[in-house]
C-alpha cells in the first residue's frame, strides 16, 4: 500500500488537457477497480432450473477448488460442463478483489456427475411463451368460471389455475427445489428428472420402513446437519405451504374431493384438515400426487426435512396438514354443516385457533397426585385460591377459559393481567374485579405464607398500579368503576381504617403518616415504572390522578360503589404525608365537587330513599371522613378552607336530623369532623349556636343511655358528642353528672367493651375536676381480666411484613394469618387504663394508683412484661400500651418508697426496655425515662465506692461519683433521635454503649479525642459495672463487641482507671458467658466481626505495649470453639502480634482447656504452628500461651498415623533445633 501512487481526483475547473493527463496517470498505475460488477445469472445453465444467488456463488467457489481424480473409463463429465471447468481452471480469480487466485491442490476425492439425458425429459410446450411482441390473449369458453360468484379471483387467475389442475390430472409431477443437497461432500447438479427418480427410490424405501425407523433416520439427519440449515429449510417449507394453501383454496373441490393428504412437518405440530363431498378444502405441498381409482400411499422425505404422506380413497376424503391449517373438532362439524345450510355470517371459513376452545378437556388421570414443587396459583372470580385439582368445579362455571393448564380451573395472575387489557369490555371488568377480590383477601391474611411471593408484592412488581391508572382513562363507566375497585383494593387496608377510627379520641389528634422509607428522596429522574416500585402514592400524583378523579366524579357519575372507592383512595393518599394532603385540598375544584355532591346541606333525599342507587346529592359518610383526614394531616390551612365551604352548617344539619338507618354513622363522623375543626380554632362560635341541640342530646344521654345495655355505635356517638360539648364551659356540669352515672354503673358491668370504656375515658378527659369519677370500678375484677390477653407486647404475634410491598406501607393491624392485634379487640382495656392512669397521675391521685398497681392481674401483667421479649414493638397500635407503661413508670417514681421494692424493681427493668422501644416521635417520654432509670436514687454510690475500693482506685472515686450524678442522663440525651418517624425507635437496644460507638467513630476518622471523651468512657464502664441490668437483655456477643471498642479508641485504655474498670467489666462478662459467644451472628452496626478482629490485631502490635487486658481480649476469638478463620488471621497475616502476647496463663480469664481442646483439624494451621515454632516467632519465655497452643496442637497432630502426619513427623525429626523437635516428638498433654 505504501508503493501505490496517490492519484488526484478531477476538479470542476480542470480543462480537457488536465483530464487527459490524469487519465494517462491512472492507466499507468494499473490499479484494480474499486467495484466489480459480476453477472451471476447463467444463460446456459445445464440444469434448466433457475439458480439463486447464494447457490451460484457457492457453486462457483466449489468449481475453483475441484480436481478430478477419476480413474474410470468413458466420458464421466458433460462436455458443456467440462469446457466451463477448463475455462475456470485457466482463469482463477478472487471474487472480491478481481486478482489472480492461487489454485488449490487439495484432493477432494472422486467427483461423480450424472449425465443429462434430454430424451427422458417430456417437454411441455404449454409452459413456454411464444416469442411475440405482445402477450397472447387468453380466451375462455368455460361458463362455470363465469358463473362462479363466490370467488374473488379474476377470470385470468381462475383460467390459469384450471390449467394447472389439468396438469395434475395428467399425472405431471413437478418438483421445484432451490437448494443443493450435500452428500459425502459432493455437489450434484439436479434436474427435475433426477429428483423424480430419487423421489421414487425414497418412496419405496420409506414404504418398507416402520414409523420408528423413519423417526430414527429423521433424528440422525437433525444431528448431522447444521441447525441453522435445518431452521432455514423449515422456514422455507412453512412459507411454501402457506402460499400453496392460499392458492389452492380457490380451486374447484370436485377435482380433489377423493384425495386425503396427511402432511407431517418437522416442527412437531399437528393440525387436522378434513375434506368431503360437501366441503371445499385442499392441501398442496411442493410435491403433489393423485390417483384415480385405487388407493395409493407414498411417504416422501426430501432434503428440506419435510415428510409427506399421501393417501387417496374413492369413498372418503380427509386432510391432515401439520402446522397450522384447518382442524375441525368433531363437536364442531355439525355446527359448520348447519351454518352452511342457513347461511350464517362469517362462518364460511373455519378458524382452527378458535375451534380449539370447543374441544373437550383431556381426561384426568385417576392417580394424579399433587406436584412436589411449587405450582402456579389459580383463583376463581371471587378471589379464592383454588386447589390444584377439584372435581366439584365443573366446566360450566367459566373457570376453564384459558390456554395454559386447561385441565385446571381458575385464572393465574398473568392471565388476569392479560384479560384486563382485552378489547372486550366484559373481560376487562371481570379481570379487574377478580384482581380486586384477590387483593382484598390478601390484605385479610388469607394467603400469608401460602403464596410466594405474596400476591400484592407480585402484582406490584408487575406494575399493576400503572395498569390500573391506564384503566381509569377508559371512556366506559363500567370499566372505570372496576378499575377504582381494584385500585382501592391495592391501596387501602379496610382493617387499618376501621381500627384507626376506633382509636380516634384516645390518641388525641395524632394519626400515622404512611410514607415509604427511601434512601434518596430525589425521585425526579426516575421513570414511572421505577418510581412505582418505591412510592406508589407519588407515582399516582405524578400521573395526574387527582385531575382524573375530579373528572370521574364530576362528569362520569359512577355508581355508589365507584364513588366510595374513589373517596377511600383519596383518604389513603392523604395519609401519605402532610404535603400530599395539601395537594389534594389545593387541586382545583376537587373539594368543591366532593362537598357539593356528597356533603349537601339537606338530608331529605337520604331520608326518603330506602335503597340508594345514586349517591349524588346525598350525604356520604366517607366524604365527611375524607374531610376529617385532610384536616388531620393538612392542619389549619385545610380547616380554614373547609370553613369557607360552609361545611359546619352541613354538620349541624346532620347531627340534628334523623336520616334513617345510616343516621348514627353520619352523626358520629360529622361530630368527629366538627371536633377537629374546633381543635384548630375554626368555627368556635358554632358550639354556642348549637347549644340547644347539644343540651337536648346530653339530656337524652342522661336519661336513656345506660352502659349495661347499650350498643357500640351508641357509645361511639355519645363519646363524640361529649368531645364537642367539652369545648363549652357551660356543658361541664352535665358531663360531670354523666361521668358519675357511668362510672358507678361501670363497677357492676360483667363484660366491659371497647365502646363503654371509651365513653368513660372520654368523659373523664372532658371534665376539669375528676371528683365525679367514682373509684368503685377498681373492685370490678372483669375490667382487669382481659389485661394480659389485650397486650400487643405479650401477644407473640408477628407482623405480616411480607404481605405488602415496600412502596405501599400500611399499619398491618392484621398480623400473620389474619389475626387481629389484641390491643384493638372488642374487650381490650389497655387504651382505657392508659387514659385513667394518665389522669390519675396528672391529678396526683396516689391512692387509686396504688390500688391499680397492687391488683393481682396488673402485677401479673407487669411481671410478664419484664420477663418476656416484646412483640409488635413497632406497630402503631402498640403506642397506646407503651404510653400506659410510661405513665406507670412515672407513677411508681411518684410513689417513691411507699411502693414495695419488688414492684419498684420490676418497673425499673421495664423502664430500661421502654427506653429502646418508645417511638422516635416520643422523645419527651424517652428523656423522662432516662432521668428515672439513671437517677441518683437508683445509682447507689455506696456500691460504686465498694467496687472501686476493691480496684484500689480510691483517688478517682469522687470523680466518678460526680460524673454519674450529673452527667449520666445528659450524656445519653444527646443520642436521642430528633424528628424521627413513628415506626422507628428513639434509641437502639444497646443504647448504653452509644458513647463508646461515638468515640470509636471519631478515633477511626482520625479525630483527636478530647478530655470529655475519657469521662464518657468512665461513665459507661461504671454503669455497666454497677447496673448490669442495663445490658441484661443484650446478647453476650453484642456486649463483648461493644466493650472491646475501648481498645480501638486511641490509647485511652492504657489509662489506669479506664484499664481497671474495663478489665473488671470484661472479666465478669467472660467468666459468665464465654460459652455463649458466637461471632458468626450478625451484629447491628457491624459489617462483620472479622473486620473488628483485624483492627484489634493491628492496633495491638502497633501501640498496645503488650497490655495484659488487651492480650486477654485478643485471645478470646482464637479459642477452639470459634471459627478457625480467626486463628489463621492471628497466626499468618498478623503473626507479628504473637511476639507481644506475653500474658501469663494464670492471668487468663478463659479456662486453658478452651485453647487446647478439641484438637486442631486444619492442616494449614498445624503448618503455621510448626513454622512459628521453628522460626522462633513464639517462645515460651516471651509468649507462653501462644507457645503452649502451638506445641500442643502440633504434637498431637504428629502422633496421628495418616500420611501427612507421618511425613511432617519425619521432617520434624530432621530439625536442627533439637529443643523444638524434642518438645514436639515427646509431648505429653497437660492434665486439665
Foldseek 3Di string as FASTA:
>chain_A
DVPQDDADDDDPPDDPVVVVVSVVVVVVRPAFDQDDDDDLWDPPDPQPDGADPVVSVVVLVVLQAADAPDPDDDDQDDPVVVVVSVVCPVAPADPRRGHGDDGHPDYLDHAGEDDDDPVVDDDDPVVDFDPDPDGDDDDDPDVVLVPPDVDPDDPVLQVVVVVVLVCQVVFDKFFDDRDFDADSNYTYRDHRVNVVVVQVVVQVVVVPDDPVVVVVVLVVLCVPDDVVLLVVLLVVQVVQQVVVQVSQLPDDQVSCQFWEKAWDAPVPFKAWFFHHPVARGDGDGSTDHDDDADWDWTWGQDPSGTIIIIIGHPHGYIYIDGPDDHHADPVCPVVLVVCVVVVDPPSNGDDRVVNVQVDDDDDDDPPDDDDPDDDFWFADLLQDTDDQDDPVDDPVRVQQPDDPPSRGGGDGPVRLLVQCPDPDPVSVLSSLSSLLSNLLVLLLQQCFVPDPQFPLVVCLLVVVLVVLVVQLPDPDLSSNLSSLSNVLSSFDRPVQVVLVVLCPPLVDLDDAAFAFDDPDPDCPPPDLSVVSQAAVLVSCVVVVVLVSLQCCLPPVQHWPSSVLSSLSVLLSSLSNALVSLVVNLPDPCSLVSLCQFALDQDQVVLQVDPDDGGRGPHHDLSSLVSLQSSCSHNPDVSLVVVVVVVSLSSLLSLLQDDRPPCSLSSNLSSLSSVLSSVVSVHPLCVLVVCVVVLVVVLVCCLVPPAPQDDDLSVLSNLLSSLSSVLSDPVCQVSLLSSLLRLLVSLLPRQQDWSSSLSSNLSSCVSHPDCPSRDPSSLVRPNLLPCAQVLAQFNPPFAASPSSHRSNRDDQRCQHNSSRGRSNSDTRHCLSSLLSVLVSCVVVVVLVSLVSQLPDVSNVVNLVVVLPDGTYPLLGPSNQSNLSSLLSNLVSVVVCPPVDDPVSNVSSLLSLLVSLQRAFLVPLVSNLVSLCSNLAPVVQPLVVLVVVVVVVVPVVCSVVLNVCSHPPRSVVLSVQFDHPGRSSHTRAHLVSLLVLLVVLLVCVVVVHDDDPVSLSSLSNSLSCCVRPVSSCPPPFLQQVLLSLCSVLNNPCSCVPSSNVSSSLVSVLVSCLVCLVVHAQVDDDPPDPGVVVVLVSLLVSQLPPVQLDQSSLLSNCSQCFPVHDCVSVCCCLPVSLLNQQSPQHDQVPRSDDLCRLQPDADDDVVSLVSLVVCVLVVSDDCVRHVSSVVSSLRNNLVQLPDDDPVSVVVLVVLVPRPPVVSSCSSPVPDDDDD
